[in-house]
């Protein structure tokens, strides 16, 4: 479905804020799959692949937890069904006052 025939979704974090993101964790709602990116400087972009091969065969969403020196923010993003991601890629855009995301729908 995406990177190297792994089963999951690619996540790209765009730090458009004026501060460094200490850490950003994204996990499936069943907590079976998690990635953590650290030290994302302002203006920087980082990406990782959330391998969902161990995710429970149920409907769910992704939970994102963002930590900076100023605050911790949690947001539910995206959706998957029967443990299968609907999206090939999720771009997360972090600004000083908001967190937005866009998706690239899987071709499968």
PDB file of N, CA and C in Angstrom:
ATOM      1  N   UNK A   1       0.800  -1.187   0.000  1.00  0.00           N
ATOM      2  CA  UNK A   1       0.000   0.000   0.000  1.00  0.00           C
ATOM      3  C   UNK A   1       0.845   1.255   0.000  1.00  0.00           C
ATOM      4  N   UNK A   2       2.040   1.182   0.543  1.00  0.00           N
ATOM      5  CA  UNK A   2       2.903   2.354   0.447  1.00  0.00           C
ATOM      6  C   UNK A   2       4.353   1.912   0.588  1.00  0.00           C
ATOM      7  N   UNK A   3       5.148   2.641   1.324  1.00  0.00           N
ATOM      8  CA  UNK A   3       6.597   2.470   1.382  1.00  0.00           C
ATOM      9  C   UNK A   3       7.039   1.006   1.479  1.00  0.00           C
ATOM     10  N   UNK A   4       7.819   0.567   0.516  1.00  0.00           N
ATOM     11  CA  UNK A   4       8.431  -0.757   0.517  1.00  0.00           C
ATOM     12  C   UNK A   4       7.439  -1.884   0.770  1.00  0.00           C
ATOM     13  N   UNK A   5       6.249  -1.775   0.253  1.00  0.00           N
ATOM     14  CA  UNK A   5       5.213  -2.788   0.394  1.00  0.00           C
ATOM     15  C   UNK A   5       4.789  -3.036   1.838  1.00  0.00           C
ATOM     16  N   UNK A   6       5.072  -2.124   2.733  1.00  0.00           N
ATOM     17  CA  UNK A   6       4.591  -2.238   4.113  1.00  0.00           C
ATOM     18  C   UNK A   6       3.128  -1.848   4.133  1.00  0.00           C
ATOM     19  N   UNK A   7       2.453  -2.226   5.199  1.00  0.00           N
ATOM     20  CA  UNK A   7       1.036  -1.964   5.353  1.00  0.00           C
ATOM     21  C   UNK A   7       0.866  -0.831   6.353  1.00  0.00           C
ATOM     22  N   UNK A   8       0.454   0.344   5.879  1.00  0.00           N
ATOM     23  CA  UNK A   8       0.273   1.467   6.774  1.00  0.00           C
ATOM     24  C   UNK A   8       0.140   2.767   6.030  1.00  0.00           C
ATOM     25  N   UNK A   9       0.556   3.850   6.682  1.00  0.00           N
ATOM     26  CA  UNK A   9       0.386   5.187   6.119  1.00  0.00           C
ATOM     27  C   UNK A   9       1.649   6.014   6.374  1.00  0.00           C
ATOM     28  N   UNK A  10       2.041   6.804   5.374  1.00  0.00           N
ATOM     29  CA  UNK A  10       3.170   7.704   5.516  1.00  0.00           C
ATOM     30  C   UNK A  10       2.680   9.000   6.148  1.00  0.00           C
ATOM     31  N   UNK A  11       3.430   9.512   7.129  1.00  0.00           N
ATOM     32  CA  UNK A  11       3.088  10.754   7.813  1.00  0.00           C
ATOM     33  C   UNK A  11       4.200  11.764   7.580  1.00  0.00           C
ATOM     34  N   UNK A  12       3.818  12.969   7.163  1.00  0.00           N
ATOM     35  CA  UNK A  12       4.781  14.044   6.962  1.00  0.00           C
ATOM     36  C   UNK A  12       4.360  15.211   7.855  1.00  0.00           C
ATOM     37  N   UNK A  13       5.280  15.618   8.739  1.00  0.00           N
ATOM     38  CA  UNK A  13       5.016  16.701   9.674  1.00  0.00           C
ATOM     39  C   UNK A  13       5.687  17.957   9.138  1.00  0.00           C
ATOM     40  N   UNK A  14       4.920  19.028   8.998  1.00  0.00           N
ATOM     41  CA  UNK A  14       5.425  20.314   8.524  1.00  0.00           C
ATOM     42  C   UNK A  14       5.347  21.292   9.701  1.00  0.00           C
ATOM     43  N   UNK A  15       6.501  21.684  10.237  1.00  0.00           N
ATOM     44  CA  UNK A  15       6.506  22.634  11.347  1.00  0.00           C
ATOM     45  C   UNK A  15       6.533  24.042  10.784  1.00  0.00           C
ATOM     46  N   UNK A  16       5.374  24.658  10.705  1.00  0.00           N
ATOM     47  CA  UNK A  16       5.234  26.025  10.208  1.00  0.00           C
ATOM     48  C   UNK A  16       5.079  27.016  11.355  1.00  0.00           C
ATOM     49  N   UNK A  17       5.387  26.566  12.563  1.00  0.00           N
ATOM     50  CA  UNK A  17       5.269  27.434  13.736  1.00  0.00           C
ATOM     51  C   UNK A  17       6.582  28.190  13.953  1.00  0.00           C
ATOM     52  N   UNK A  18       6.619  29.010  14.988  1.00  0.00           N
ATOM     53  CA  UNK A  18       7.820  29.784  15.293  1.00  0.00           C
ATOM     54  C   UNK A  18       8.670  29.117  16.374  1.00  0.00           C
ATOM     55  N   UNK A  19       8.341  27.876  16.725  1.00  0.00           N
ATOM     56  CA  UNK A  19       9.089  27.189  17.769  1.00  0.00           C
ATOM     57  C   UNK A  19       9.385  25.744  17.380  1.00  0.00           C
ATOM     58  N   UNK A  20      10.317  25.143  18.090  1.00  0.00           N
ATOM     59  CA  UNK A  20      10.666  23.746  17.867  1.00  0.00           C
ATOM     60  C   UNK A  20       9.610  22.851  18.492  1.00  0.00           C
ATOM     61  N   UNK A  21       9.232  21.803  17.777  1.00  0.00           N
ATOM     62  CA  UNK A  21       8.346  20.774  18.332  1.00  0.00           C
ATOM     63  C   UNK A  21       9.250  19.772  19.040  1.00  0.00           C
ATOM     64  N   UNK A  22       9.081  19.636  20.360  1.00  0.00           N
ATOM     65  CA  UNK A  22       9.915  18.700  21.120  1.00  0.00           C
ATOM     66  C   UNK A  22       9.654  17.265  20.695  1.00  0.00           C
ATOM     67  N   UNK A  23       8.381  16.917  20.594  1.00  0.00           N
ATOM     68  CA  UNK A  23       8.030  15.573  20.124  1.00  0.00           C
ATOM     69  C   UNK A  23       6.624  15.570  19.554  1.00  0.00           C
ATOM     70  N   UNK A  24       6.408  14.676  18.624  1.00  0.00           N
ATOM     71  CA  UNK A  24       5.095  14.483  18.036  1.00  0.00           C
ATOM     72  C   UNK A  24       4.896  12.979  17.886  1.00  0.00           C
ATOM     73  N   UNK A  25       3.859  12.476  18.531  1.00  0.00           N
ATOM     74  CA  UNK A  25       3.559  11.046  18.511  1.00  0.00           C
ATOM     75  C   UNK A  25       2.235  10.847  17.781  1.00  0.00           C
ATOM     76  N   UNK A  26       2.204   9.877  16.873  1.00  0.00           N
ATOM     77  CA  UNK A  26       0.972   9.507  16.183  1.00  0.00           C
ATOM     78  C   UNK A  26       0.769   8.020  16.399  1.00  0.00           C
ATOM     79  N   UNK A  27      -0.444   7.653  16.815  1.00  0.00           N
ATOM     80  CA  UNK A  27      -0.758   6.236  17.025  1.00  0.00           C
ATOM     81  C   UNK A  27      -2.157   5.931  16.520  1.00  0.00           C
ATOM     82  N   UNK A  28      -2.395   4.664  16.266  1.00  0.00           N
ATOM     83  CA  UNK A  28      -3.740   4.225  15.912  1.00  0.00           C
ATOM     84  C   UNK A  28      -4.579   4.238  17.183  1.00  0.00           C
ATOM     85  N   UNK A  29      -5.887   4.326  17.039  1.00  0.00           N
ATOM     86  CA  UNK A  29      -6.745   4.439  18.222  1.00  0.00           C
ATOM     87  C   UNK A  29      -6.675   3.203  19.117  1.00  0.00           C
ATOM     88  N   UNK A  30      -6.262   2.062  18.573  1.00  0.00           N
ATOM     89  CA  UNK A  30      -6.104   0.859  19.408  1.00  0.00           C
ATOM     90  C   UNK A  30      -4.728   0.804  20.074  1.00  0.00           C
ATOM     91  N   UNK A  31      -3.860   1.789  19.781  1.00  0.00           N
ATOM     92  CA  UNK A  31      -2.512   1.919  20.353  1.00  0.00           C
ATOM     93  C   UNK A  31      -1.561   0.784  19.938  1.00  0.00           C
ATOM     94  N   UNK A  32      -1.911   0.019  18.915  1.00  0.00           N
ATOM     95  CA  UNK A  32      -1.061  -1.082  18.453  1.00  0.00           C
ATOM     96  C   UNK A  32       0.065  -0.592  17.540  1.00  0.00           C
ATOM     97  N   UNK A  33      -0.090   0.572  16.964  1.00  0.00           N
ATOM     98  CA  UNK A  33       0.928   1.134  16.071  1.00  0.00           C
ATOM     99  C   UNK A  33       1.195   2.575  16.479  1.00  0.00           C
ATOM    100  N   UNK A  34       2.482   2.912  16.653  1.00  0.00           N
ATOM    101  CA  UNK A  34       2.855   4.249  17.094  1.00  0.00           C
ATOM    102  C   UNK A  34       4.183   4.655  16.454  1.00  0.00           C
ATOM    103  N   UNK A  35       4.290   5.934  16.115  1.00  0.00           N
ATOM    104  CA  UNK A  35       5.578   6.513  15.736  1.00  0.00           C
ATOM    105  C   UNK A  35       5.791   7.754  16.581  1.00  0.00           C
ATOM    106  N   UNK A  36       7.052   8.123  16.760  1.00  0.00           N
ATOM    107  CA  UNK A  36       7.374   9.330  17.515  1.00  0.00           C
ATOM    108  C   UNK A  36       8.511  10.049  16.791  1.00  0.00           C
ATOM    109  N   UNK A  37       8.273  11.317  16.491  1.00  0.00           N
ATOM    110  CA  UNK A  37       9.289  12.167  15.876  1.00  0.00           C
ATOM    111  C   UNK A  37       9.693  13.214  16.899  1.00  0.00           C
ATOM    112  N   UNK A  38      10.984  13.529  16.973  1.00  0.00           N
ATOM    113  CA  UNK A  38      11.460  14.476  17.973  1.00  0.00           C
ATOM    114  C   UNK A  38      12.268  15.593  17.318  1.00  0.00           C
ATOM    115  N   UNK A  39      12.362  16.697  18.057  1.00  0.00           N
ATOM    116  CA  UNK A  39      13.199  17.833  17.701  1.00  0.00           C
ATOM    117  C   UNK A  39      12.961  18.308  16.263  1.00  0.00           C
ATOM    118  N   UNK A  40      11.727  18.722  15.997  1.00  0.00           N
ATOM    119  CA  UNK A  40      11.363  19.228  14.675  1.00  0.00           C
ATOM    120  C   UNK A  40      11.463  20.756  14.732  1.00  0.00           C
ATOM    121  N   UNK A  41      12.501  21.281  14.139  1.00  0.00           N
ATOM    122  CA  UNK A  41      12.773  22.721  14.185  1.00  0.00           C
ATOM    123  C   UNK A  41      11.758  23.501  13.353  1.00  0.00           C
ATOM    124  N   UNK A  42      11.603  24.800  13.666  1.00  0.00           N
ATOM    125  CA  UNK A  42      10.680  25.643  12.895  1.00  0.00           C
ATOM    126  C   UNK A  42      11.133  25.646  11.435  1.00  0.00           C
ATOM    127  N   UNK A  43      10.158  25.524  10.538  1.00  0.00           N
ATOM    128  CA  UNK A  43      10.435  25.475   9.108  1.00  0.00           C
ATOM    129  C   UNK A  43      10.871  24.111   8.603  1.00  0.00           C
ATOM    130  N   UNK A  44      11.031  23.146   9.500  1.00  0.00           N
ATOM    131  CA  UNK A  44      11.499  21.816   9.121  1.00  0.00           C
ATOM    132  C   UNK A  44      10.330  20.881   8.824  1.00  0.00           C
ATOM    133  N   UNK A  45      10.612  19.865   8.039  1.00  0.00           N
ATOM    134  CA  UNK A  45       9.649  18.820   7.692  1.00  0.00           C
ATOM    135  C   UNK A  45      10.297  17.478   8.029  1.00  0.00           C
ATOM    136  N   UNK A  46       9.539  16.607   8.671  1.00  0.00           N
ATOM    137  CA  UNK A  46      10.023  15.251   8.960  1.00  0.00           C
ATOM    138  C   UNK A  46       8.947  14.271   8.550  1.00  0.00           C
ATOM    139  N   UNK A  47       9.389  13.073   8.137  1.00  0.00           N
ATOM    140  CA  UNK A  47       8.406  12.052   7.773  1.00  0.00           C
ATOM    141  C   UNK A  47       8.792  10.709   8.347  1.00  0.00           C
ATOM    142  N   UNK A  48       7.772   9.879   8.495  1.00  0.00           N
ATOM    143  CA  UNK A  48       7.945   8.518   9.002  1.00  0.00           C
ATOM    144  C   UNK A  48       6.788   7.690   8.480  1.00  0.00           C
ATOM    145  N   UNK A  49       6.894   6.398   8.669  1.00  0.00           N
ATOM    146  CA  UNK A  49       5.875   5.475   8.196  1.00  0.00           C
ATOM    147  C   UNK A  49       5.247   4.783   9.390  1.00  0.00           C
ATOM    148  N   UNK A  50       3.924   4.871   9.511  1.00  0.00           N
ATOM    149  CA  UNK A  50       3.189   4.203  10.580  1.00  0.00           C
ATOM    150  C   UNK A  50       2.792   2.824  10.078  1.00  0.00           C
ATOM    151  N   UNK A  51       3.520   1.819  10.531  1.00  0.00           N
ATOM    152  CA  UNK A  51       3.266   0.437  10.132  1.00  0.00           C
ATOM    153  C   UNK A  51       2.030  -0.065  10.878  1.00  0.00           C
ATOM    154  N   UNK A  52       1.003  -0.449  10.131  1.00  0.00           N
ATOM    155  CA  UNK A  52      -0.264  -0.859  10.735  1.00  0.00           C
ATOM    156  C   UNK A  52      -0.502  -2.362  10.643  1.00  0.00           C
ATOM    157  N   UNK A  53       0.545  -3.126  10.444  1.00  0.00           N
ATOM    158  CA  UNK A  53       0.375  -4.571  10.283  1.00  0.00           C
ATOM    159  C   UNK A  53      -0.133  -5.262  11.552  1.00  0.00           C
ATOM    160  N   UNK A  54       0.041  -4.631  12.704  1.00  0.00           N
ATOM    161  CA  UNK A  54      -0.431  -5.207  13.972  1.00  0.00           C
ATOM    162  C   UNK A  54      -1.733  -4.580  14.469  1.00  0.00           C
ATOM    163  N   UNK A  55      -2.282  -3.644  13.710  1.00  0.00           N
ATOM    164  CA  UNK A  55      -3.492  -2.938  14.125  1.00  0.00           C
ATOM    165  C   UNK A  55      -4.696  -3.885  14.127  1.00  0.00           C
ATOM    166  N   UNK A  56      -5.551  -3.732  15.124  1.00  0.00           N
ATOM    167  CA  UNK A  56      -6.758  -4.547  15.248  1.00  0.00           C
ATOM    168  C   UNK A  56      -7.657  -4.315  14.028  1.00  0.00           C
ATOM    169  N   UNK A  57      -8.268  -5.352  13.538  1.00  0.00           N
ATOM    170  CA  UNK A  57      -9.151  -5.286  12.367  1.00  0.00           C
ATOM    171  C   UNK A  57     -10.485  -4.640  12.757  1.00  0.00           C
ATOM    172  N   UNK A  58     -10.433  -3.345  13.003  1.00  0.00           N
ATOM    173  CA  UNK A  58     -11.620  -2.583  13.406  1.00  0.00           C
ATOM    174  C   UNK A  58     -11.497  -1.171  12.839  1.00  0.00           C
ATOM    175  N   UNK A  59     -12.584  -0.414  12.928  1.00  0.00           N
ATOM    176  CA  UNK A  59     -12.552   0.978  12.501  1.00  0.00           C
ATOM    177  C   UNK A  59     -11.871   1.824  13.573  1.00  0.00           C
ATOM    178  N   UNK A  60     -11.198   2.877  13.141  1.00  0.00           N
ATOM    179  CA  UNK A  60     -10.533   3.738  14.111  1.00  0.00           C
ATOM    180  C   UNK A  60     -10.016   5.008  13.475  1.00  0.00           C
ATOM    181  N   UNK A  61      -9.256   5.745  14.257  1.00  0.00           N
ATOM    182  CA  UNK A  61      -8.658   7.003  13.813  1.00  0.00           C
ATOM    183  C   UNK A  61      -7.220   7.041  14.314  1.00  0.00           C
ATOM    184  N   UNK A  62      -6.516   8.071  13.936  1.00  0.00           N
ATOM    185  CA  UNK A  62      -5.155   8.286  14.417  1.00  0.00           C
ATOM    186  C   UNK A  62      -5.210   9.365  15.484  1.00  0.00           C
ATOM    187  N   UNK A  63      -4.430   9.187  16.543  1.00  0.00           N
ATOM    188  CA  UNK A  63      -4.340  10.178  17.600  1.00  0.00           C
ATOM    189  C   UNK A  63      -2.951  10.802  17.536  1.00  0.00           C
ATOM    190  N   UNK A  64      -2.929  12.111  17.494  1.00  0.00           N
ATOM    191  CA  UNK A  64      -1.675  12.840  17.433  1.00  0.00           C
ATOM    192  C   UNK A  64      -1.482  13.601  18.734  1.00  0.00           C
ATOM    193  N   UNK A  65      -0.292  13.476  19.320  1.00  0.00           N
ATOM    194  CA  UNK A  65       0.048  14.229  20.532  1.00  0.00           C
ATOM    195  C   UNK A  65       1.283  15.060  20.240  1.00  0.00           C
ATOM    196  N   UNK A  66       1.160  16.368  20.379  1.00  0.00           N
ATOM    197  CA  UNK A  66       2.212  17.320  20.066  1.00  0.00           C
ATOM    198  C   UNK A  66       2.717  17.949  21.351  1.00  0.00           C
ATOM    199  N   UNK A  67       4.031  17.954  21.553  1.00  0.00           N
ATOM    200  CA  UNK A  67       4.624  18.542  22.752  1.00  0.00           C
ATOM    201  C   UNK A  67       5.626  19.621  22.370  1.00  0.00           C
ATOM    202  N   UNK A  68       5.421  20.808  22.930  1.00  0.00           N
ATOM    203  CA  UNK A  68       6.378  21.907  22.800  1.00  0.00           C
ATOM    204  C   UNK A  68       6.671  22.419  24.206  1.00  0.00           C
ATOM    205  N   UNK A  69       7.588  23.362  24.295  1.00  0.00           N
ATOM    206  CA  UNK A  69       7.882  23.947  25.609  1.00  0.00           C
ATOM    207  C   UNK A  69       6.669  24.668  26.190  1.00  0.00           C
ATOM    208  N   UNK A  70       5.795  25.165  25.316  1.00  0.00           N
ATOM    209  CA  UNK A  70       4.624  25.936  25.756  1.00  0.00           C
ATOM    210  C   UNK A  70       3.416  25.079  26.123  1.00  0.00           C
ATOM    211  N   UNK A  71       3.231  23.956  25.423  1.00  0.00           N
ATOM    212  CA  UNK A  71       1.983  23.208  25.631  1.00  0.00           C
ATOM    213  C   UNK A  71       2.060  21.794  25.066  1.00  0.00           C
ATOM    214  N   UNK A  72       1.075  21.002  25.465  1.00  0.00           N
ATOM    215  CA  UNK A  72       0.838  19.682  24.882  1.00  0.00           C
ATOM    216  C   UNK A  72      -0.550  19.729  24.261  1.00  0.00           C
ATOM    217  N   UNK A  73      -0.644  19.310  22.994  1.00  0.00           N
ATOM    218  CA  UNK A  73      -1.923  19.309  22.300  1.00  0.00           C
ATOM    219  C   UNK A  73      -2.188  17.905  21.773  1.00  0.00           C
ATOM    220  N   UNK A  74      -3.448  17.493  21.850  1.00  0.00           N
ATOM    221  CA  UNK A  74      -3.859  16.199  21.329  1.00  0.00           C
ATOM    222  C   UNK A  74      -4.977  16.427  20.322  1.00  0.00           C
ATOM    223  N   UNK A  75      -4.912  15.676  19.211  1.00  0.00           N
ATOM    224  CA  UNK A  75      -5.926  15.826  18.175  1.00  0.00           C
ATOM    225  C   UNK A  75      -6.129  14.484  17.486  1.00  0.00           C
ATOM    226  N   UNK A  76      -7.391  14.140  17.238  1.00  0.00           N
ATOM    227  CA  UNK A  76      -7.701  12.955  16.440  1.00  0.00           C
ATOM    228  C   UNK A  76      -7.732  13.373  14.978  1.00  0.00           C
ATOM    229  N   UNK A  77      -7.056  12.583  14.148  1.00  0.00           N
ATOM    230  CA  UNK A  77      -6.988  12.895  12.728  1.00  0.00           C
ATOM    231  C   UNK A  77      -7.253  11.637  11.915  1.00  0.00           C
ATOM    232  N   UNK A  78      -7.725  11.823  10.699  1.00  0.00           N
ATOM    233  CA  UNK A  78      -7.887  10.708   9.765  1.00  0.00           C
ATOM    234  C   UNK A  78      -8.831   9.622  10.236  1.00  0.00           C
ATOM    235  N   UNK A  79      -8.852   8.555   9.463  1.00  0.00           N
ATOM    236  CA  UNK A  79      -9.766   7.450   9.719  1.00  0.00           C
ATOM    237  C   UNK A  79      -9.260   6.211   8.993  1.00  0.00           C
ATOM    238  N   UNK A  80      -9.430   5.056   9.597  1.00  0.00           N
ATOM    239  CA  UNK A  80      -9.154   3.793   8.921  1.00  0.00           C
ATOM    240  C   UNK A  80     -10.313   2.842   9.200  1.00  0.00           C
ATOM    241  N   UNK A  81     -10.494   1.859   8.340  1.00  0.00           N
ATOM    242  CA  UNK A  81     -11.611   0.932   8.492  1.00  0.00           C
ATOM    243  C   UNK A  81     -11.115  -0.510   8.420  1.00  0.00           C
ATOM    244  N   UNK A  82     -11.623  -1.340   9.315  1.00  0.00           N
ATOM    245  CA  UNK A  82     -11.211  -2.743   9.413  1.00  0.00           C
ATOM    246  C   UNK A  82      -9.692  -2.874   9.522  1.00  0.00           C
ATOM    247  N   UNK A  83      -9.039  -1.911  10.177  1.00  0.00           N
ATOM    248  CA  UNK A  83      -7.594  -1.927  10.346  1.00  0.00           C
ATOM    249  C   UNK A  83      -6.825  -1.555   9.096  1.00  0.00           C
ATOM    250  N   UNK A  84      -7.536  -1.099   8.067  1.00  0.00           N
ATOM    251  CA  UNK A  84      -6.919  -0.766   6.781  1.00  0.00           C
ATOM    252  C   UNK A  84      -6.938   0.747   6.592  1.00  0.00           C
ATOM    253  N   UNK A  85      -5.761   1.359   6.341  1.00  0.00           N
ATOM    254  CA  UNK A  85      -5.749   2.808   6.136  1.00  0.00           C
ATOM    255  C   UNK A  85      -6.451   3.184   4.835  1.00  0.00           C
ATOM    256  N   UNK A  86      -7.227   4.257   4.888  1.00  0.00           N
ATOM    257  CA  UNK A  86      -7.896   4.767   3.691  1.00  0.00           C
ATOM    258  C   UNK A  86      -6.964   5.682   2.905  1.00  0.00           C
ATOM    259  N   UNK A  87      -5.919   6.164   3.575  1.00  0.00           N
ATOM    260  CA  UNK A  87      -5.013   7.133   2.977  1.00  0.00           C
ATOM    261  C   UNK A  87      -3.621   6.547   2.794  1.00  0.00           C
ATOM    262  N   UNK A  88      -2.980   6.977   1.754  1.00  0.00           N
ATOM    263  CA  UNK A  88      -1.596   6.595   1.490  1.00  0.00           C
ATOM    264  C   UNK A  88      -0.646   7.489   2.293  1.00  0.00           C
ATOM    265  N   UNK A  89      -1.065   8.757   2.462  1.00  0.00           N
ATOM    266  CA  UNK A  89      -0.212   9.724   3.140  1.00  0.00           C
ATOM    267  C   UNK A  89      -1.075  10.742   3.879  1.00  0.00           C
ATOM    268  N   UNK A  90      -0.570  11.169   5.037  1.00  0.00           N
ATOM    269  CA  UNK A  90      -1.197  12.246   5.802  1.00  0.00           C
ATOM    270  C   UNK A  90      -0.137  13.308   6.056  1.00  0.00           C
ATOM    271  N   UNK A  91      -0.418  14.538   5.624  1.00  0.00           N
ATOM    272  CA  UNK A  91       0.458  15.677   5.899  1.00  0.00           C
ATOM    273  C   UNK A  91      -0.148  16.446   7.058  1.00  0.00           C
ATOM    274  N   UNK A  92       0.657  16.684   8.103  1.00  0.00           N
ATOM    275  CA  UNK A  92       0.208  17.419   9.280  1.00  0.00           C
ATOM    276  C   UNK A  92       0.950  18.756   9.300  1.00  0.00           C
ATOM    277  N   UNK A  93       0.185  19.848   9.344  1.00  0.00           N
ATOM    278  CA  UNK A  93       0.734  21.197   9.321  1.00  0.00           C
ATOM    279  C   UNK A  93       0.530  21.834  10.692  1.00  0.00           C
ATOM    280  N   UNK A  94       1.632  22.131  11.366  1.00  0.00           N
ATOM    281  CA  UNK A  94       1.575  22.719  12.702  1.00  0.00           C
ATOM    282  C   UNK A  94       1.947  24.191  12.597  1.00  0.00           C
ATOM    283  N   UNK A  95       1.040  25.071  13.039  1.00  0.00           N
ATOM    284  CA  UNK A  95       1.324  26.498  13.127  1.00  0.00           C
ATOM    285  C   UNK A  95       1.254  26.886  14.599  1.00  0.00           C
ATOM    286  N   UNK A  96       1.498  28.143  14.893  1.00  0.00           N
ATOM    287  CA  UNK A  96       1.458  28.582  16.293  1.00  0.00           C
ATOM    288  C   UNK A  96       0.079  28.435  16.923  1.00  0.00           C
ATOM    289  N   UNK A  97      -0.980  28.548  16.121  1.00  0.00           N
ATOM    290  CA  UNK A  97      -2.322  28.523  16.697  1.00  0.00           C
ATOM    291  C   UNK A  97      -3.224  27.408  16.175  1.00  0.00           C
ATOM    292  N   UNK A  98      -2.706  26.533  15.319  1.00  0.00           N
ATOM    293  CA  UNK A  98      -3.577  25.458  14.833  1.00  0.00           C
ATOM    294  C   UNK A  98      -2.777  24.247  14.341  1.00  0.00           C
ATOM    295  N   UNK A  99      -3.497  23.168  14.203  1.00  0.00           N
ATOM    296  CA  UNK A  99      -2.965  21.936  13.616  1.00  0.00           C
ATOM    297  C   UNK A  99      -3.974  21.504  12.569  1.00  0.00           C
ATOM    298  N   UNK A 100      -3.517  21.415  11.328  1.00  0.00           N
ATOM    299  CA  UNK A 100      -4.379  20.994  10.230  1.00  0.00           C
ATOM    300  C   UNK A 100      -3.724  19.819   9.532  1.00  0.00           C
ATOM    301  N   UNK A 101      -4.537  19.073   8.793  1.00  0.00           N
ATOM    302  CA  UNK A 101      -3.957  17.960   8.051  1.00  0.00           C
ATOM    303  C   UNK A 101      -4.659  17.786   6.714  1.00  0.00           C
ATOM    304  N   UNK A 102      -3.927  17.213   5.783  1.00  0.00           N
ATOM    305  CA  UNK A 102      -4.491  16.837   4.491  1.00  0.00           C
ATOM    306  C   UNK A 102      -4.125  15.376   4.254  1.00  0.00           C
ATOM    307  N   UNK A 103      -4.904  14.734   3.395  1.00  0.00           N
ATOM    308  CA  UNK A 103      -4.649  13.318   3.111  1.00  0.00           C
ATOM    309  C   UNK A 103      -4.504  13.084   1.620  1.00  0.00           C
ATOM    310  N   UNK A 104      -3.750  12.065   1.294  1.00  0.00           N
ATOM    311  CA  UNK A 104      -3.666  11.584  -0.078  1.00  0.00           C
ATOM    312  C   UNK A 104      -4.308  10.210  -0.062  1.00  0.00           C
ATOM    313  N   UNK A 105      -5.421  10.093  -0.717  1.00  0.00           N
ATOM    314  CA  UNK A 105      -6.191   8.854  -0.697  1.00  0.00           C
ATOM    315  C   UNK A 105      -5.431   7.742  -1.394  1.00  0.00           C
ATOM    316  N   UNK A 106      -5.500   6.557  -0.793  1.00  0.00           N
ATOM    317  CA  UNK A 106      -4.817   5.396  -1.351  1.00  0.00           C
ATOM    318  C   UNK A 106      -5.412   5.026  -2.693  1.00  0.00           C
ATOM    319  N   UNK A 107      -4.582   4.530  -3.563  1.00  0.00           N
ATOM    320  CA  UNK A 107      -5.071   4.106  -4.881  1.00  0.00           C
ATOM    321  C   UNK A 107      -5.653   2.713  -4.847  1.00  0.00           C
ATOM    322  N   UNK A 108      -5.637   2.066  -3.672  1.00  0.00           N
ATOM    323  CA  UNK A 108      -6.168   0.693  -3.565  1.00  0.00           C
ATOM    324  C   UNK A 108      -7.578   0.671  -3.063  1.00  0.00           C
TER     325      UNK A 108
END
